[in-house]
N, C-alpha and C. Protein backbone atom coordinates (compact mmCIF):
# COMPACT_ATOMS: atom_id res chain seq x y z
N MET A 1 118.78 63.37 -21.93
CA MET A 1 117.69 62.43 -21.85
C MET A 1 117.99 61.41 -20.75
N PRO A 2 117.02 61.19 -19.87
CA PRO A 2 117.30 60.25 -18.77
C PRO A 2 117.34 58.82 -19.27
N LYS A 3 118.10 58.05 -18.57
CA LYS A 3 118.25 56.64 -18.92
C LYS A 3 117.24 55.78 -18.17
N ASN A 4 116.34 56.39 -17.41
CA ASN A 4 115.38 55.64 -16.60
C ASN A 4 114.11 55.40 -17.43
N TYR A 5 114.19 54.46 -18.32
CA TYR A 5 113.05 54.16 -19.20
C TYR A 5 111.91 53.46 -18.45
N LYS A 6 112.21 52.80 -17.35
CA LYS A 6 111.16 52.12 -16.58
C LYS A 6 110.18 53.14 -16.01
N LEU A 7 110.69 54.27 -15.54
CA LEU A 7 109.82 55.31 -15.00
C LEU A 7 108.95 55.90 -16.10
N LEU A 8 109.54 56.19 -17.24
CA LEU A 8 108.75 56.74 -18.36
C LEU A 8 107.71 55.74 -18.85
N LYS A 9 108.10 54.48 -18.88
CA LYS A 9 107.17 53.43 -19.31
C LYS A 9 105.99 53.34 -18.34
N ALA A 10 106.25 53.43 -17.04
CA ALA A 10 105.19 53.38 -16.02
C ALA A 10 104.25 54.58 -16.16
N ILE A 11 104.82 55.76 -16.42
CA ILE A 11 104.00 56.97 -16.59
C ILE A 11 103.10 56.83 -17.82
N VAL A 12 103.62 56.36 -18.92
CA VAL A 12 102.84 56.20 -20.15
C VAL A 12 101.72 55.17 -19.94
N ILE A 13 102.02 54.06 -19.29
CA ILE A 13 101.00 53.03 -19.02
C ILE A 13 99.92 53.59 -18.10
N THR A 14 100.32 54.33 -17.06
CA THR A 14 99.35 54.93 -16.13
C THR A 14 98.44 55.91 -16.86
N LEU A 15 99.01 56.76 -17.69
CA LEU A 15 98.19 57.72 -18.44
C LEU A 15 97.26 56.99 -19.43
N GLY A 16 97.73 55.93 -20.04
CA GLY A 16 96.87 55.15 -20.93
C GLY A 16 95.70 54.53 -20.19
N ILE A 17 95.98 53.99 -18.99
CA ILE A 17 94.90 53.41 -18.18
C ILE A 17 93.90 54.48 -17.77
N LEU A 18 94.39 55.67 -17.39
CA LEU A 18 93.49 56.77 -17.01
C LEU A 18 92.63 57.23 -18.19
N ILE A 19 93.21 57.28 -19.37
CA ILE A 19 92.43 57.66 -20.56
C ILE A 19 91.33 56.63 -20.83
N ILE A 20 91.67 55.36 -20.76
CA ILE A 20 90.68 54.30 -20.98
C ILE A 20 89.59 54.36 -19.91
N ALA A 21 89.98 54.60 -18.64
CA ALA A 21 89.01 54.70 -17.55
C ALA A 21 88.06 55.88 -17.78
N MET A 22 88.57 57.02 -18.23
CA MET A 22 87.72 58.18 -18.48
C MET A 22 86.76 57.94 -19.64
N VAL A 23 87.21 57.24 -20.67
CA VAL A 23 86.32 56.90 -21.78
C VAL A 23 85.19 55.99 -21.28
N ILE A 24 85.52 55.03 -20.43
CA ILE A 24 84.49 54.14 -19.86
C ILE A 24 83.52 54.94 -19.00
N VAL A 25 84.02 55.86 -18.18
CA VAL A 25 83.15 56.71 -17.35
C VAL A 25 82.21 57.53 -18.23
N LEU A 26 82.71 58.09 -19.31
CA LEU A 26 81.86 58.88 -20.22
C LEU A 26 80.77 58.02 -20.86
N ILE A 27 81.12 56.82 -21.25
CA ILE A 27 80.13 55.92 -21.87
C ILE A 27 79.05 55.54 -20.85
N VAL A 28 79.46 55.19 -19.63
CA VAL A 28 78.50 54.81 -18.59
C VAL A 28 77.60 55.99 -18.25
N ALA A 29 78.17 57.19 -18.13
CA ALA A 29 77.37 58.38 -17.81
C ALA A 29 76.35 58.68 -18.91
N SER A 30 76.75 58.54 -20.16
CA SER A 30 75.81 58.81 -21.25
C SER A 30 74.70 57.76 -21.28
N ILE A 31 75.02 56.50 -20.98
CA ILE A 31 73.98 55.47 -20.93
C ILE A 31 73.01 55.74 -19.79
N MET A 32 73.53 56.15 -18.62
CA MET A 32 72.66 56.46 -17.49
C MET A 32 71.75 57.65 -17.80
N LYS A 33 72.28 58.67 -18.46
CA LYS A 33 71.46 59.83 -18.83
C LYS A 33 70.38 59.43 -19.83
N TYR A 34 70.72 58.60 -20.79
CA TYR A 34 69.75 58.11 -21.77
C TYR A 34 68.63 57.33 -21.06
N ASN A 35 68.99 56.47 -20.11
CA ASN A 35 67.99 55.70 -19.37
C ASN A 35 67.09 56.60 -18.54
N ASP A 36 67.67 57.65 -17.94
CA ASP A 36 66.86 58.60 -17.17
C ASP A 36 65.87 59.33 -18.06
N GLN A 37 66.29 59.70 -19.27
CA GLN A 37 65.39 60.37 -20.20
C GLN A 37 64.25 59.44 -20.61
N LYS A 38 64.57 58.19 -20.88
CA LYS A 38 63.53 57.22 -21.27
C LYS A 38 62.56 56.99 -20.11
N ARG A 39 63.07 56.93 -18.89
CA ARG A 39 62.21 56.75 -17.72
C ARG A 39 61.28 57.95 -17.54
N ALA A 40 61.82 59.17 -17.72
CA ALA A 40 61.01 60.38 -17.61
C ALA A 40 59.94 60.41 -18.70
N GLU A 41 60.30 60.00 -19.92
CA GLU A 41 59.30 59.94 -21.00
C GLU A 41 58.21 58.93 -20.69
N ALA A 42 58.59 57.79 -20.13
CA ALA A 42 57.60 56.76 -19.79
C ALA A 42 56.66 57.28 -18.70
N GLU A 43 57.19 57.99 -17.70
CA GLU A 43 56.34 58.55 -16.65
C GLU A 43 55.38 59.59 -17.22
N LEU A 44 55.87 60.40 -18.15
CA LEU A 44 55.02 61.41 -18.78
C LEU A 44 53.89 60.76 -19.56
N VAL A 45 54.19 59.69 -20.29
CA VAL A 45 53.16 58.97 -21.05
C VAL A 45 52.15 58.35 -20.10
N GLU A 46 52.61 57.77 -18.98
CA GLU A 46 51.69 57.17 -18.02
C GLU A 46 50.77 58.22 -17.41
N ARG A 47 51.33 59.42 -17.07
CA ARG A 47 50.48 60.47 -16.51
C ARG A 47 49.46 60.95 -17.53
N TYR A 48 49.87 61.05 -18.81
CA TYR A 48 48.95 61.47 -19.85
C TYR A 48 47.82 60.46 -20.03
N GLU A 49 48.17 59.18 -20.06
CA GLU A 49 47.15 58.14 -20.22
C GLU A 49 46.22 58.09 -19.02
N ALA A 50 46.77 58.31 -17.82
CA ALA A 50 45.93 58.31 -16.62
C ALA A 50 44.96 59.49 -16.65
N SER A 51 45.43 60.65 -17.12
CA SER A 51 44.53 61.80 -17.19
C SER A 51 43.46 61.59 -18.26
N ARG A 52 43.79 60.89 -19.33
CA ARG A 52 42.79 60.61 -20.37
C ARG A 52 41.76 59.62 -19.87
N GLN A 53 42.16 58.66 -19.03
CA GLN A 53 41.24 57.66 -18.51
C GLN A 53 40.36 58.23 -17.41
N ALA A 54 40.84 59.28 -16.74
CA ALA A 54 40.09 59.87 -15.64
C ALA A 54 39.12 60.93 -16.13
N ALA A 55 38.76 60.87 -17.39
CA ALA A 55 37.81 61.83 -17.96
C ALA A 55 36.44 61.65 -17.30
N PRO A 56 35.67 62.73 -17.20
CA PRO A 56 34.34 62.61 -16.59
C PRO A 56 33.41 61.73 -17.41
N ALA A 57 32.17 61.85 -17.19
CA ALA A 57 31.18 60.98 -17.83
C ALA A 57 31.27 61.03 -19.35
N THR A 58 30.98 59.92 -19.97
CA THR A 58 31.00 59.86 -21.42
C THR A 58 29.59 60.05 -21.96
N THR A 59 29.48 60.16 -23.27
CA THR A 59 28.17 60.40 -23.86
C THR A 59 27.25 59.19 -23.72
N SER A 60 27.78 58.03 -23.40
CA SER A 60 26.94 56.84 -23.30
C SER A 60 26.31 56.69 -21.92
N ASP A 61 26.76 57.52 -20.92
CA ASP A 61 26.20 57.42 -19.58
C ASP A 61 24.82 58.08 -19.55
N PRO A 62 23.79 57.36 -19.12
CA PRO A 62 22.45 57.95 -19.09
C PRO A 62 22.30 58.88 -17.87
N PHE A 63 21.39 59.86 -18.01
CA PHE A 63 21.07 60.71 -16.87
C PHE A 63 19.61 61.11 -16.96
N ASP A 64 19.07 61.49 -15.81
CA ASP A 64 17.67 61.91 -15.71
C ASP A 64 17.68 63.31 -15.11
N MET A 65 16.98 64.24 -15.75
CA MET A 65 17.04 65.63 -15.31
C MET A 65 15.69 66.29 -15.53
N ASP A 66 15.28 67.13 -14.58
CA ASP A 66 14.07 67.93 -14.71
C ASP A 66 14.49 69.37 -14.98
N LEU A 67 13.96 69.95 -16.05
CA LEU A 67 14.26 71.32 -16.42
C LEU A 67 13.00 72.13 -16.17
N ASN A 68 13.03 72.95 -15.11
CA ASN A 68 11.85 73.74 -14.73
C ASN A 68 11.80 75.03 -15.55
N LEU A 69 10.69 75.24 -16.24
CA LEU A 69 10.48 76.44 -17.05
C LEU A 69 9.48 77.34 -16.36
N GLU A 70 9.67 78.64 -16.53
CA GLU A 70 8.71 79.60 -15.98
C GLU A 70 7.47 79.62 -16.86
N ALA A 71 6.42 80.22 -16.37
CA ALA A 71 5.16 80.26 -17.10
C ALA A 71 5.35 80.95 -18.45
N GLY A 72 4.93 80.30 -19.50
CA GLY A 72 5.02 80.85 -20.85
C GLY A 72 6.33 80.52 -21.56
N GLN A 73 7.31 80.01 -20.84
CA GLN A 73 8.58 79.67 -21.49
C GLN A 73 8.48 78.33 -22.19
N GLU A 74 9.29 78.19 -23.22
CA GLU A 74 9.34 76.93 -23.95
C GLU A 74 10.79 76.69 -24.42
N ILE A 75 11.09 75.45 -24.72
CA ILE A 75 12.41 75.11 -25.26
C ILE A 75 12.38 75.42 -26.75
N ILE A 76 13.22 76.35 -27.16
CA ILE A 76 13.25 76.75 -28.56
C ILE A 76 14.07 75.77 -29.38
N SER A 77 15.23 75.38 -28.84
CA SER A 77 16.05 74.40 -29.55
C SER A 77 16.97 73.69 -28.56
N ALA A 78 17.43 72.52 -28.97
CA ALA A 78 18.41 71.75 -28.19
C ALA A 78 19.41 71.17 -29.18
N GLU A 79 20.70 71.43 -28.92
CA GLU A 79 21.76 70.95 -29.81
C GLU A 79 22.79 70.20 -28.98
N SER A 80 23.30 69.14 -29.56
CA SER A 80 24.32 68.34 -28.88
C SER A 80 25.69 68.72 -29.41
N GLY A 81 26.67 68.83 -28.51
CA GLY A 81 28.04 69.16 -28.89
C GLY A 81 29.02 68.37 -28.06
N GLU A 82 30.30 68.71 -28.18
CA GLU A 82 31.34 68.00 -27.43
C GLU A 82 31.21 68.20 -25.94
N GLN A 83 30.89 69.42 -25.51
CA GLN A 83 30.83 69.74 -24.09
C GLN A 83 29.53 69.29 -23.43
N GLY A 84 28.48 69.15 -24.21
CA GLY A 84 27.19 68.76 -23.65
C GLY A 84 26.04 69.16 -24.57
N ILE A 85 24.89 69.39 -23.96
CA ILE A 85 23.69 69.75 -24.70
C ILE A 85 23.42 71.24 -24.49
N LEU A 86 23.25 71.97 -25.58
CA LEU A 86 22.97 73.39 -25.54
C LEU A 86 21.47 73.58 -25.73
N VAL A 87 20.79 74.12 -24.72
CA VAL A 87 19.34 74.28 -24.74
C VAL A 87 19.01 75.77 -24.72
N ARG A 88 18.22 76.22 -25.71
CA ARG A 88 17.75 77.60 -25.77
C ARG A 88 16.32 77.64 -25.25
N ILE A 89 16.09 78.52 -24.28
CA ILE A 89 14.76 78.65 -23.66
C ILE A 89 14.28 80.08 -23.87
N GLY A 90 13.00 80.24 -24.19
CA GLY A 90 12.47 81.58 -24.39
C GLY A 90 10.96 81.59 -24.54
N GLN A 91 10.44 82.73 -24.97
CA GLN A 91 9.01 82.91 -25.18
C GLN A 91 8.79 83.48 -26.57
N ASN A 92 7.81 82.98 -27.24
CA ASN A 92 7.42 83.47 -28.56
C ASN A 92 8.59 83.49 -29.55
N GLY A 93 9.46 82.52 -29.49
CA GLY A 93 10.58 82.41 -30.43
C GLY A 93 11.79 83.26 -30.08
N ALA A 94 11.69 84.11 -29.04
CA ALA A 94 12.81 84.95 -28.61
C ALA A 94 13.56 84.24 -27.48
N THR A 95 14.87 84.13 -27.63
CA THR A 95 15.68 83.43 -26.63
C THR A 95 15.86 84.31 -25.40
N GLN A 96 15.59 83.73 -24.22
CA GLN A 96 15.79 84.43 -22.96
C GLN A 96 16.96 83.84 -22.17
N LYS A 97 17.21 82.55 -22.36
CA LYS A 97 18.23 81.89 -21.57
C LYS A 97 18.83 80.76 -22.41
N ILE A 98 20.14 80.57 -22.29
CA ILE A 98 20.83 79.47 -22.96
C ILE A 98 21.51 78.64 -21.87
N LEU A 99 21.22 77.35 -21.84
CA LEU A 99 21.80 76.45 -20.84
C LEU A 99 22.76 75.48 -21.50
N LEU A 100 23.90 75.24 -20.85
CA LEU A 100 24.81 74.19 -21.28
C LEU A 100 24.72 73.08 -20.23
N ILE A 101 24.19 71.95 -20.64
CA ILE A 101 24.02 70.81 -19.74
C ILE A 101 25.03 69.75 -20.15
N ASP A 102 25.96 69.39 -19.22
CA ASP A 102 26.95 68.38 -19.57
C ASP A 102 26.31 67.01 -19.60
N TYR A 103 27.06 66.02 -20.06
CA TYR A 103 26.49 64.69 -20.28
C TYR A 103 26.27 63.89 -18.99
N SER A 104 26.56 64.51 -17.85
CA SER A 104 26.21 63.86 -16.58
C SER A 104 24.90 64.42 -16.03
N GLY A 105 24.29 65.40 -16.72
CA GLY A 105 23.02 65.96 -16.30
C GLY A 105 23.17 67.22 -15.48
N ARG A 106 24.36 67.71 -15.27
CA ARG A 106 24.61 68.90 -14.48
C ARG A 106 24.61 70.13 -15.40
N ILE A 107 24.01 71.20 -14.95
CA ILE A 107 24.01 72.45 -15.73
C ILE A 107 25.39 73.08 -15.57
N ALA A 108 26.16 73.07 -16.65
CA ALA A 108 27.54 73.56 -16.61
C ALA A 108 27.60 75.07 -16.76
N GLY A 109 26.60 75.68 -17.38
CA GLY A 109 26.63 77.12 -17.55
C GLY A 109 25.28 77.65 -18.00
N THR A 110 25.02 78.91 -17.64
CA THR A 110 23.77 79.56 -18.02
C THR A 110 24.11 80.94 -18.58
N ILE A 111 23.48 81.26 -19.71
CA ILE A 111 23.61 82.60 -20.30
C ILE A 111 22.22 83.21 -20.32
N ASN A 112 22.06 84.33 -19.62
CA ASN A 112 20.79 85.06 -19.61
C ASN A 112 20.84 86.12 -20.70
N VAL A 113 19.91 86.04 -21.65
CA VAL A 113 19.85 86.98 -22.75
C VAL A 113 18.91 88.11 -22.36
N LYS A 114 19.39 89.34 -22.46
CA LYS A 114 18.56 90.49 -22.06
C LYS A 114 18.11 91.25 -23.28
């Protein structure tokens, strides 16, 4: 066994300092990762809220629209839904066309019944 206890003491102190430094590095890294996750979650929530606010016209927005019918056609029924107003057009009670009119007054879709 060597009699140089000063060298062994220095090695033990150095290793202890390195262990403490690595524990501190691990704690700081985990805190930084946690903060990055929270920041990413906050950005995701902001994008979601922005997309919800950028929704098109609401049901309270008024619109004016002319619906041209061919000779003999009449509106059989009109129903309101989430996507807009569903209008059935036909003759003598038989449906010929179904229109989906969104709440901004634009015809979103047409179904021709044959």
